Amino acid sequence: MQNYGFCNTCKEIVPATHLEKDGKVYLHKECPKCGENDYLISSDAVLYRKKRDFMKEIKYLSCGFDCDSCGGHKEPDIIFIDTTNRCNMNCLICLNNVAAMGFKYEPRMEFFDKIFKHYADYNPKPYVQLFGGEPTVREDLFEIIKLGKSYGFSMRVVTNGLKLADEKYCDELMAYGAMILIAFDGTNRAMYEKLRGRADALDLKLKALENLSKHKRGKVILMTVVDKEHNKGDMKEFFSFSFKNLHVIRGIYFMPLIHAWDKKKLDYDPEKTTLEDVENMIDASIEGGNIEFLPLGSLYLRNFYRIFRIKNMPFSGVHPNCESITYLVSDGTKFVSVSKFLKTSLYGLIGDLRSFEKYLAEKYGDRKLSLTGKIDAYSKALGFAVKHMNFGAIVGAKGPKAYWKWLKMIGKFASGRKMKDILREDAAVKGVLQILILPFEDLKTAEAERLAMCSSCFVFVDPDTDEIKKYPLCSWERYKAPIMKKIAEKFNV
């Protein structure tokens, strides 16, 4: 299988291979115009290979990056829609704004309606993530969310959070039931000054989180850019902040800094930050360490989710060296690794869960389970839990005391109490924080074998044919400018 990447200099599609040296992994590219060039994709070859070995059954495919004419790409579980390229920040590291692109992009409602209609009959429906620019600068953002919800989509809005510092606007947005993802690069003002050009943005983002915390459904996901040279020392403070605000923060998406800015505007050339850099930074920041990061692709458990009525996760089923995931648990005083509550390890847990998924697929497939089937599946799930879960650690007790605590909790559950409330009262698990690391839209690390498995895509209406087209997330940067310009000419407000 021939793998491909984008030349670091001219961005043309060129043959690519993996090259390991000095404990690191590089994407080696051979460009007929620019010559051979390498780009760092992992600073820790051991962790990089561990993820591949964990999903060793994968037969890697490839593609020619011919996104303009490819109609056979994997169907997405999450779709990104560019809503505008206007922004009220115009960060120094961003190329997706009017100033950088040279034209205004803001399609009218018809554009979104066509996309929503196309995906409305999918089962399961993909998540919809409204992107920018800055979506909140659109006066009709609420109408777009309402339209998407009318088709049954789970709507997500990626925002810098500045407008949500206005309590009235925040209240209106939350009334429409969208999940909010806020760009939040920690609590160090120097980070905002260096990469965003606005140190005061932090104050507005903090106010936005305060406003969101007043809503019952106000939990948000933070989208955090990480630069190991600039904010490596900030990670402990950031997790301390996240712990104190766990009532409003449900997860953090860490994104290694992408080196794509205009060097005339930002004179900065740090060493590349990789997924494994971020993993190691997080491990060093949590007391006790032992933070295990799984390849998110290993959580593609379609039959398990269906049978146990668990909502599918976005980004699942992707390449083992794309997104990685872990969970941090609040024990009431600090974050600890989720592994503390396991008899085995996170890799052992998910490895067995993947075997369980294979069993369910082979025995039941997509069929509705009979009573016998349900007894079989649930009894195996119970045995699975007994094997892996440290029930004493979960309730913070041992021996007879642990059994008594569990009986007390089961009694409360039987009386109609919600399990999450019971856990907060009686268990050592006081809260959970999901951690994802995303190599988001990084053209230099993009490669065909990863994109062939990508289940997250930018989606748009082709202005020439009116067909719905999709591009894998990390190839969109290469193609988007001319496409968005043509969309603007046909569909702009």
Protein backbone atom coordinates (compact mmCIF):
# COMPACT_ATOMS: atom_id res chain seq x y z
CA MET A 1 0.00 0.00 0.00
CA GLN A 2 1.36 3.40 -0.98
CA ASN A 3 0.88 6.09 1.63
CA TYR A 4 0.70 9.79 0.72
CA GLY A 5 1.10 13.14 2.42
CA PHE A 6 1.32 16.82 1.56
CA CYS A 7 4.71 18.33 0.79
CA ASN A 8 5.78 20.62 3.64
CA THR A 9 6.70 23.36 1.17
CA CYS A 10 4.46 23.30 -1.93
CA LYS A 11 1.56 21.31 -0.39
CA GLU A 12 1.37 18.99 -3.40
CA ILE A 13 0.39 15.34 -2.85
CA VAL A 14 3.53 13.22 -2.57
CA PRO A 15 4.51 9.65 -1.52
CA ALA A 16 5.06 9.34 2.24
CA THR A 17 6.49 6.74 4.61
CA HIS A 18 7.05 6.47 8.36
CA LEU A 19 10.62 7.00 9.51
CA GLU A 20 11.74 6.23 13.06
CA LYS A 21 14.94 7.74 14.43
CA ASP A 22 16.21 8.77 17.86
CA GLY A 23 13.03 7.50 19.53
CA LYS A 24 10.79 9.72 17.39
CA VAL A 25 8.57 9.11 14.36
CA TYR A 26 8.61 11.29 11.25
CA LEU A 27 6.50 11.43 8.11
CA HIS A 28 9.09 11.18 5.34
CA LYS A 29 7.94 12.75 2.07
CA GLU A 30 9.47 12.65 -1.39
CA CYS A 31 8.47 15.65 -3.49
CA PRO A 32 9.67 15.79 -7.12
CA LYS A 33 9.83 19.60 -6.93
CA CYS A 34 11.06 20.27 -3.38
CA GLY A 35 13.06 17.11 -2.69
CA GLU A 36 12.85 14.89 0.39
CA ASN A 37 11.49 16.38 3.60
CA ASP A 38 10.49 15.04 7.01
CA TYR A 39 7.97 16.21 9.57
CA LEU A 40 7.73 15.12 13.20
CA ILE A 41 4.51 13.20 13.93
CA SER A 42 5.43 11.62 17.28
CA SER A 43 8.01 12.48 19.92
CA ASP A 44 7.61 9.04 21.54
CA ALA A 45 7.96 6.09 19.18
CA VAL A 46 7.13 3.60 21.96
CA LEU A 47 3.71 5.15 22.66
CA TYR A 48 3.12 5.60 18.92
CA ARG A 49 3.70 1.89 18.25
CA LYS A 50 1.71 0.83 21.34
CA LYS A 51 -1.43 2.40 19.88
CA ARG A 52 -0.91 0.68 16.53
CA ASP A 53 -0.29 -2.68 18.23
CA PHE A 54 -3.47 -2.30 20.28
CA MET A 55 -5.49 -2.11 17.04
CA LYS A 56 -3.34 -4.67 15.23
CA GLU A 57 -6.30 -6.18 13.36
CA ILE A 58 -6.55 -3.08 11.14
CA LYS A 59 -5.74 -3.46 7.48
CA TYR A 60 -4.52 0.00 6.54
CA LEU A 61 -5.98 1.50 3.41
CA SER A 62 -4.82 4.51 1.46
CA CYS A 63 -6.13 7.08 -0.97
CA GLY A 64 -4.74 9.57 -3.45
CA PHE A 65 -6.05 12.61 -1.53
CA ASP A 66 -8.32 13.25 -4.53
CA CYS A 67 -10.93 14.82 -2.28
CA ASP A 68 -12.49 16.85 -5.11
CA SER A 69 -13.82 13.75 -6.87
CA CYS A 70 -13.85 11.08 -4.13
CA GLY A 71 -17.36 9.90 -3.28
CA GLY A 72 -16.45 6.77 -1.39
CA HIS A 73 -14.99 8.15 1.80
CA LYS A 74 -16.12 6.68 5.12
CA GLU A 75 -19.47 8.07 6.30
CA PRO A 76 -18.97 10.59 9.12
CA ASP A 77 -20.08 10.33 12.72
CA ILE A 78 -19.52 14.07 13.15
CA ILE A 79 -19.82 16.77 10.50
CA PHE A 80 -18.20 20.20 10.68
CA ILE A 81 -19.93 23.08 8.92
CA ASP A 82 -18.18 26.41 8.38
CA THR A 83 -20.77 29.05 9.30
CA THR A 84 -18.70 32.18 8.65
CA ASN A 85 -15.13 33.39 8.42
CA ARG A 86 -15.89 36.59 10.30
CA CYS A 87 -14.50 36.75 13.83
CA ASN A 88 -14.34 39.11 16.79
CA MET A 89 -10.78 38.04 17.66
CA ASN A 90 -8.83 37.17 14.47
CA CYS A 91 -6.11 35.27 16.35
CA LEU A 92 -2.53 35.42 15.11
CA ILE A 93 -2.36 31.62 14.68
CA CYS A 94 -5.64 31.38 12.72
CA LEU A 95 -5.96 31.37 8.92
CA ASN A 96 -9.74 30.94 8.81
CA ASN A 97 -10.87 34.57 8.92
CA VAL A 98 -11.69 37.34 6.45
CA ALA A 99 -8.31 39.04 6.80
CA ALA A 100 -6.39 35.82 6.07
CA MET A 101 -8.68 34.53 3.29
CA GLY A 102 -9.35 37.80 1.47
CA PHE A 103 -13.12 37.39 1.16
CA LYS A 104 -16.20 37.20 3.34
CA TYR A 105 -17.88 33.80 3.75
CA GLU A 106 -21.32 33.60 5.33
CA PRO A 107 -23.82 31.29 3.58
CA ARG A 108 -27.54 31.83 4.00
CA MET A 109 -30.02 29.42 5.62
CA GLU A 110 -30.67 27.49 2.39
CA PHE A 111 -27.08 26.19 2.50
CA PHE A 112 -27.52 24.66 5.97
CA ASP A 113 -30.96 23.28 5.15
CA LYS A 114 -29.57 21.30 2.21
CA ILE A 115 -26.90 19.73 4.43
CA PHE A 116 -29.33 18.91 7.23
CA LYS A 117 -31.79 17.30 4.80
CA HIS A 118 -29.02 15.15 3.32
CA TYR A 119 -28.00 13.66 6.68
CA ALA A 120 -31.44 13.61 8.32
CA ASP A 121 -32.11 9.95 7.45
CA TYR A 122 -28.75 8.61 8.61
CA ASN A 123 -28.91 6.09 11.45
CA PRO A 124 -27.27 7.00 13.68
CA LYS A 125 -27.30 10.66 12.77
CA PRO A 126 -23.91 12.35 12.83
CA TYR A 127 -23.23 15.08 15.36
CA VAL A 128 -23.28 18.56 13.80
CA GLN A 129 -20.49 20.95 14.81
CA LEU A 130 -20.91 24.59 13.75
CA PHE A 131 -17.52 26.10 13.04
CA GLY A 132 -15.92 29.35 11.94
CA GLY A 133 -14.50 31.99 12.02
CA GLU A 134 -16.68 32.72 15.00
CA PRO A 135 -20.27 31.39 14.73
CA THR A 136 -21.63 33.78 17.37
CA VAL A 137 -21.03 36.81 15.13
CA ARG A 138 -23.89 35.53 12.93
CA GLU A 139 -27.18 37.20 13.85
CA ASP A 140 -29.07 34.07 12.75
CA LEU A 141 -27.00 31.50 14.67
CA PHE A 142 -29.96 30.59 16.88
CA GLU A 143 -32.06 29.92 13.76
CA ILE A 144 -29.37 27.60 12.36
CA ILE A 145 -29.29 25.65 15.63
CA LYS A 146 -33.09 25.50 15.71
CA LEU A 147 -33.17 24.23 12.12
CA GLY A 148 -30.63 21.50 12.87
CA LYS A 149 -32.53 20.45 15.99
CA SER A 150 -35.74 20.23 13.95
CA TYR A 151 -34.07 17.50 11.87
CA GLY A 152 -33.10 15.64 15.06
CA PHE A 153 -29.40 16.48 15.16
CA SER A 154 -27.26 16.93 18.25
CA MET A 155 -25.88 20.42 17.68
CA ARG A 156 -22.48 21.65 18.86
CA VAL A 157 -21.11 25.20 18.59
CA VAL A 158 -17.37 25.96 18.58
CA THR A 159 -16.84 29.48 19.90
CA ASN A 160 -14.14 31.69 21.38
CA GLY A 161 -16.67 32.44 24.13
CA LEU A 162 -16.39 36.23 24.03
CA LYS A 163 -20.08 36.87 23.33
CA LEU A 164 -21.09 34.40 26.03
CA ALA A 165 -19.57 36.83 28.55
CA ASP A 166 -22.84 38.73 27.94
CA GLU A 167 -25.23 36.92 30.29
CA LYS A 168 -28.31 37.68 28.21
CA TYR A 169 -26.74 36.30 25.03
CA CYS A 170 -25.48 33.24 26.92
CA ASP A 171 -28.97 32.58 28.29
CA GLU A 172 -30.49 32.81 24.80
CA LEU A 173 -27.92 30.46 23.30
CA MET A 174 -28.34 27.87 26.05
CA ALA A 175 -32.11 27.92 25.54
CA TYR A 176 -31.58 26.27 22.14
CA GLY A 177 -29.94 23.19 23.66
CA ALA A 178 -26.63 23.10 21.77
CA MET A 179 -23.43 21.77 23.32
CA ILE A 180 -20.85 24.53 23.68
CA LEU A 181 -17.15 24.08 22.91
CA ILE A 182 -15.05 27.06 24.01
CA ALA A 183 -11.52 27.83 22.83
CA PHE A 184 -9.73 28.11 26.17
CA ASP A 185 -5.93 27.92 26.26
CA GLY A 186 -5.49 27.72 30.02
CA THR A 187 -5.18 30.47 32.62
CA ASN A 188 -1.83 31.97 31.58
CA ARG A 189 -2.41 35.40 30.04
CA ALA A 190 0.94 35.19 28.24
CA MET A 191 -0.45 32.35 26.11
CA TYR A 192 -3.28 34.56 24.87
CA GLU A 193 -0.94 37.50 24.31
CA LYS A 194 1.53 35.37 22.34
CA LEU A 195 -0.77 33.25 20.17
CA ARG A 196 -4.08 35.11 20.18
CA GLY A 197 -2.90 38.72 20.36
CA ARG A 198 -5.35 39.53 23.18
CA ALA A 199 -4.51 38.94 26.84
CA ASP A 200 -7.89 40.40 27.87
CA ALA A 201 -9.69 37.54 26.11
CA LEU A 202 -9.08 35.40 29.19
CA ASP A 203 -11.30 37.64 31.35
CA LEU A 204 -14.18 37.33 28.88
CA LYS A 205 -13.79 33.56 28.63
CA LEU A 206 -13.83 33.23 32.43
CA LYS A 207 -17.01 35.31 32.53
CA ALA A 208 -18.53 33.08 29.85
CA LEU A 209 -17.82 29.98 31.94
CA GLU A 210 -19.37 31.69 34.96
CA ASN A 211 -22.51 32.44 32.93
CA LEU A 212 -22.70 28.90 31.58
CA SER A 213 -22.40 27.44 35.07
CA LYS A 214 -25.74 29.00 35.97
CA HIS A 215 -27.53 26.68 33.55
CA LYS A 216 -28.59 23.14 34.40
CA ARG A 217 -27.34 21.93 31.00
CA GLY A 218 -24.42 24.35 31.00
CA LYS A 219 -21.50 21.90 30.93
CA VAL A 220 -18.99 22.74 28.21
CA ILE A 221 -15.98 21.26 26.47
CA LEU A 222 -12.78 23.30 26.46
CA MET A 223 -10.73 23.31 23.25
CA THR A 224 -7.16 23.97 24.33
CA VAL A 225 -4.16 24.63 22.11
CA VAL A 226 -0.95 23.22 23.60
CA ASP A 227 2.57 24.43 22.81
CA LYS A 228 5.16 22.52 24.81
CA GLU A 229 7.68 25.36 24.61
CA HIS A 230 5.32 28.12 25.68
CA ASN A 231 2.89 26.65 28.21
CA LYS A 232 4.36 23.35 29.40
CA GLY A 233 4.68 24.72 32.93
CA ASP A 234 1.04 25.81 33.02
CA MET A 235 -0.54 22.35 32.92
CA LYS A 236 -0.77 21.74 36.69
CA GLU A 237 -2.44 25.10 37.23
CA PHE A 238 -4.81 24.41 34.34
CA PHE A 239 -5.93 21.11 35.87
CA SER A 240 -6.33 22.80 39.23
CA PHE A 241 -8.62 25.32 37.53
CA SER A 242 -10.52 22.52 35.75
CA PHE A 243 -10.97 20.64 39.03
CA LYS A 244 -12.48 23.69 40.71
CA ASN A 245 -14.79 24.17 37.74
CA LEU A 246 -15.78 20.55 37.13
CA HIS A 247 -19.40 21.62 37.67
CA VAL A 248 -19.25 23.37 34.27
CA ILE A 249 -16.44 21.56 32.38
CA ARG A 250 -17.30 18.09 31.06
CA GLY A 251 -14.18 17.57 28.96
CA ILE A 252 -11.05 19.07 27.45
CA TYR A 253 -9.97 18.66 23.84
CA PHE A 254 -6.24 19.34 23.71
CA MET A 255 -4.90 20.31 20.27
CA PRO A 256 -1.15 20.43 19.59
CA LEU A 257 -0.24 23.82 18.14
CA ILE A 258 -0.39 23.79 14.34
CA HIS A 259 2.45 25.66 12.64
CA ALA A 260 0.37 27.40 9.97
CA TRP A 261 0.45 31.08 10.88
CA ASP A 262 1.77 33.97 8.83
CA LYS A 263 5.37 34.44 9.99
CA LYS A 264 5.14 38.16 9.18
CA LYS A 265 2.43 38.55 11.82
CA LEU A 266 3.84 36.14 14.37
CA ASP A 267 7.60 35.64 14.55
CA TYR A 268 7.63 32.32 16.39
CA ASP A 269 9.11 28.97 15.34
CA PRO A 270 8.94 26.41 18.21
CA GLU A 271 9.60 22.70 17.92
CA LYS A 272 6.54 20.73 16.88
CA THR A 273 4.26 19.61 19.73
CA THR A 274 2.90 16.10 19.13
CA LEU A 275 0.08 14.05 20.65
CA GLU A 276 2.55 12.10 22.75
CA ASP A 277 4.10 15.35 24.03
CA VAL A 278 0.69 16.38 25.34
CA GLU A 279 0.08 12.93 26.84
CA ASN A 280 3.37 13.10 28.74
CA MET A 281 2.66 16.67 29.88
CA ILE A 282 -0.71 15.60 31.29
CA ASP A 283 0.78 12.54 33.01
CA ALA A 284 3.40 14.73 34.69
CA SER A 285 0.71 17.15 35.89
CA ILE A 286 -1.58 14.68 37.67
CA GLU A 287 -0.61 13.47 41.14
CA GLY A 288 0.30 9.78 41.01
CA GLY A 289 0.55 9.81 37.20
CA ASN A 290 -0.28 6.47 35.56
CA ILE A 291 -2.43 8.23 32.95
CA GLU A 292 -3.14 5.77 30.14
CA PHE A 293 -4.12 7.20 26.76
CA LEU A 294 -6.01 4.90 24.42
CA PRO A 295 -6.37 5.36 20.68
CA LEU A 296 -9.90 6.75 20.38
CA GLY A 297 -10.45 4.51 17.37
CA SER A 298 -10.44 1.51 19.72
CA LEU A 299 -13.77 2.69 21.17
CA TYR A 300 -15.71 1.87 18.02
CA LEU A 301 -18.20 -0.41 19.80
CA ARG A 302 -21.35 -0.08 17.70
CA ASN A 303 -23.19 -3.21 18.91
CA PHE A 304 -22.26 -2.65 22.55
CA TYR A 305 -23.59 0.92 22.38
CA ARG A 306 -26.79 -0.21 20.65
CA ILE A 307 -27.59 -3.06 23.05
CA PHE A 308 -26.84 -1.07 26.21
CA ARG A 309 -28.42 2.12 24.84
CA ILE A 310 -25.27 4.21 24.98
CA LYS A 311 -24.97 7.13 22.57
CA ASN A 312 -22.22 6.73 19.97
CA MET A 313 -19.11 8.82 20.59
CA PRO A 314 -17.89 11.21 17.89
CA PHE A 315 -14.44 10.48 16.42
CA SER A 316 -14.66 6.75 17.23
CA GLY A 317 -13.36 4.21 14.71
CA VAL A 318 -10.51 6.43 13.57
CA HIS A 319 -6.87 5.55 12.92
CA PRO A 320 -4.92 4.51 16.07
CA ASN A 321 -2.49 7.43 15.65
CA CYS A 322 -5.19 10.07 15.34
CA GLU A 323 -7.18 11.07 18.42
CA SER A 324 -6.31 9.63 21.84
CA ILE A 325 -8.51 9.56 24.92
CA THR A 326 -8.43 9.08 28.68
CA TYR A 327 -10.51 9.99 31.72
CA LEU A 328 -9.54 11.79 34.91
CA VAL A 329 -11.57 11.16 38.04
CA SER A 330 -12.22 13.57 40.89
CA ASP A 331 -11.84 11.87 44.28
CA GLY A 332 -13.14 14.99 45.99
CA THR A 333 -9.76 16.63 46.54
CA LYS A 334 -7.92 16.22 43.22
CA PHE A 335 -7.89 14.50 39.83
CA VAL A 336 -6.52 10.97 39.67
CA SER A 337 -6.17 8.45 36.86
CA VAL A 338 -9.24 6.37 36.05
CA SER A 339 -6.90 3.37 36.31
CA LYS A 340 -6.98 3.80 40.11
CA PHE A 341 -10.50 2.37 40.02
CA LEU A 342 -9.59 -0.69 37.94
CA LYS A 343 -8.18 -4.05 38.95
CA THR A 344 -6.45 -4.28 35.60
CA SER A 345 -5.60 -1.34 33.32
CA LEU A 346 -7.44 0.90 30.90
CA TYR A 347 -5.87 -1.00 28.02
CA GLY A 348 -6.96 -4.30 29.60
CA LEU A 349 -10.49 -3.00 30.13
CA ILE A 350 -10.98 -1.73 26.59
CA GLY A 351 -9.18 -4.74 25.09
CA ASP A 352 -11.73 -7.07 26.71
CA LEU A 353 -14.55 -4.71 25.75
CA ARG A 354 -13.45 -4.94 22.12
CA SER A 355 -13.57 -8.75 22.39
CA PHE A 356 -17.07 -8.43 23.90
CA GLU A 357 -18.07 -6.21 20.97
CA LYS A 358 -16.86 -8.87 18.53
CA TYR A 359 -18.91 -11.51 20.38
CA LEU A 360 -22.05 -9.35 20.22
CA ALA A 361 -21.53 -8.65 16.52
CA GLU A 362 -21.04 -12.31 15.61
CA LYS A 363 -23.91 -13.65 17.74
CA TYR A 364 -26.55 -10.93 17.39
CA GLY A 365 -25.51 -8.52 14.65
CA ASP A 366 -28.12 -5.80 14.16
CA ARG A 367 -31.00 -7.96 15.42
CA LYS A 368 -33.19 -6.90 18.31
CA LEU A 369 -32.34 -9.01 21.34
CA SER A 370 -34.84 -11.51 22.75
CA LEU A 371 -35.21 -11.92 26.51
CA THR A 372 -32.68 -14.77 26.38
CA GLY A 373 -30.30 -12.58 24.39
CA LYS A 374 -30.63 -9.74 26.90
CA ILE A 375 -29.92 -12.08 29.81
CA ASP A 376 -26.86 -13.39 27.96
CA ALA A 377 -25.52 -9.90 27.12
CA TYR A 378 -26.20 -8.38 30.54
CA SER A 379 -24.78 -11.34 32.48
CA LYS A 380 -21.59 -11.22 30.42
CA ALA A 381 -21.40 -7.46 31.00
CA LEU A 382 -21.72 -8.05 34.76
CA GLY A 383 -18.91 -10.61 34.68
CA PHE A 384 -16.87 -8.16 32.64
CA ALA A 385 -17.39 -5.46 35.30
CA VAL A 386 -16.47 -7.83 38.15
CA LYS A 387 -13.25 -8.74 36.36
CA HIS A 388 -12.10 -5.16 35.77
CA MET A 389 -13.72 -2.80 38.28
CA ASN A 390 -12.18 -2.17 41.70
CA PHE A 391 -15.45 -1.84 43.59
CA GLY A 392 -13.71 -1.08 46.88
CA ALA A 393 -11.80 1.85 45.36
CA ILE A 394 -15.01 3.20 43.80
CA VAL A 395 -16.65 3.58 47.24
CA GLY A 396 -13.39 4.31 49.05
CA ALA A 397 -13.62 1.31 51.38
CA LYS A 398 -12.51 -2.31 51.78
CA GLY A 399 -14.01 -5.59 52.95
CA PRO A 400 -17.41 -5.57 54.76
CA LYS A 401 -17.55 -1.77 54.77
CA ALA A 402 -17.33 -1.72 50.97
CA TYR A 403 -20.16 -4.27 50.68
CA TRP A 404 -22.32 -2.23 53.06
CA LYS A 405 -21.74 0.95 51.03
CA TRP A 406 -22.71 -0.82 47.81
CA LEU A 407 -25.88 -2.23 49.37
CA LYS A 408 -26.77 1.24 50.59
CA MET A 409 -26.23 2.70 47.10
CA ILE A 410 -28.25 -0.07 45.42
CA GLY A 411 -31.07 0.58 47.86
CA LYS A 412 -31.12 4.27 46.98
CA PHE A 413 -31.12 3.42 43.27
CA ALA A 414 -34.02 0.98 43.74
CA SER A 415 -35.97 3.73 45.49
CA GLY A 416 -35.73 5.92 42.39
CA ARG A 417 -32.65 8.05 43.05
CA LYS A 418 -30.39 8.94 40.10
CA MET A 419 -27.15 6.97 40.07
CA LYS A 420 -25.01 10.07 39.41
CA ASP A 421 -26.43 11.71 42.55
CA ILE A 422 -25.85 8.55 44.58
CA LEU A 423 -22.23 8.33 43.41
CA ARG A 424 -21.58 11.94 44.44
CA GLU A 425 -22.96 11.24 47.93
CA ASP A 426 -21.55 7.81 48.72
CA ALA A 427 -18.71 6.99 46.33
CA ALA A 428 -15.09 8.09 46.08
CA VAL A 429 -15.83 9.04 42.46
CA LYS A 430 -17.09 12.63 42.66
CA GLY A 431 -16.83 13.52 38.99
CA VAL A 432 -15.24 12.53 35.68
CA LEU A 433 -13.37 14.65 33.13
CA GLN A 434 -12.98 13.37 29.58
CA ILE A 435 -9.65 14.17 27.93
CA LEU A 436 -9.20 14.00 24.15
CA ILE A 437 -6.11 14.93 22.16
CA LEU A 438 -6.82 15.93 18.57
CA PRO A 439 -4.35 16.52 15.70
CA PHE A 440 -6.79 19.10 14.38
CA GLU A 441 -6.44 20.21 10.71
CA ASP A 442 -2.66 19.80 10.68
CA LEU A 443 -1.80 19.60 7.00
CA LYS A 444 1.85 18.66 7.52
CA THR A 445 1.01 15.59 9.62
CA ALA A 446 -1.87 14.49 7.37
CA GLU A 447 -1.40 11.16 5.63
CA ALA A 448 -3.59 9.00 3.43
CA GLU A 449 -3.72 5.95 5.71
CA ARG A 450 -5.13 8.10 8.52
CA LEU A 451 -7.60 10.00 6.37
CA ALA A 452 -8.93 6.80 4.80
CA MET A 453 -10.27 5.92 8.28
CA CYS A 454 -11.42 9.43 9.22
CA SER A 455 -15.02 9.65 10.44
CA SER A 456 -15.06 13.42 10.99
CA CYS A 457 -15.49 15.61 7.94
CA PHE A 458 -16.05 19.16 6.81
CA VAL A 459 -19.28 19.14 4.82
CA PHE A 460 -20.57 21.65 2.26
CA VAL A 461 -22.95 22.12 -0.66
CA ASP A 462 -21.03 21.97 -3.93
CA PRO A 463 -21.81 25.35 -5.56
CA ASP A 464 -21.53 23.83 -9.06
CA THR A 465 -23.66 20.70 -8.66
CA ASP A 466 -25.68 21.30 -5.46
CA GLU A 467 -24.45 17.92 -4.22
CA ILE A 468 -23.37 17.45 -0.61
CA LYS A 469 -19.64 16.84 -0.41
CA LYS A 470 -17.37 15.95 2.49
CA TYR A 471 -13.64 16.25 3.07
CA PRO A 472 -11.75 14.47 5.88
CA LEU A 473 -10.95 16.89 8.67
CA CYS A 474 -7.19 17.18 8.15
CA SER A 475 -7.35 17.61 4.36
CA TRP A 476 -9.79 20.53 4.44
CA GLU A 477 -7.04 23.12 4.98
CA ARG A 478 -5.50 22.14 1.63
CA TYR A 479 -8.70 22.62 -0.40
CA LYS A 480 -11.00 24.98 1.50
CA ALA A 481 -10.13 28.51 0.27
CA PRO A 482 -11.24 28.19 -3.40
CA ILE A 483 -14.26 26.09 -2.43
CA MET A 484 -15.42 28.52 0.24
CA LYS A 485 -14.95 31.44 -2.14
CA LYS A 486 -17.24 29.80 -4.71
CA ILE A 487 -19.77 28.96 -1.98
CA ALA A 488 -19.69 32.60 -0.87
CA GLU A 489 -20.39 33.79 -4.41
CA LYS A 490 -23.49 31.57 -4.65
CA PHE A 491 -24.84 31.25 -1.11
CA ASN A 492 -23.72 34.28 0.89
CA VAL A 493 -26.29 36.11 2.97
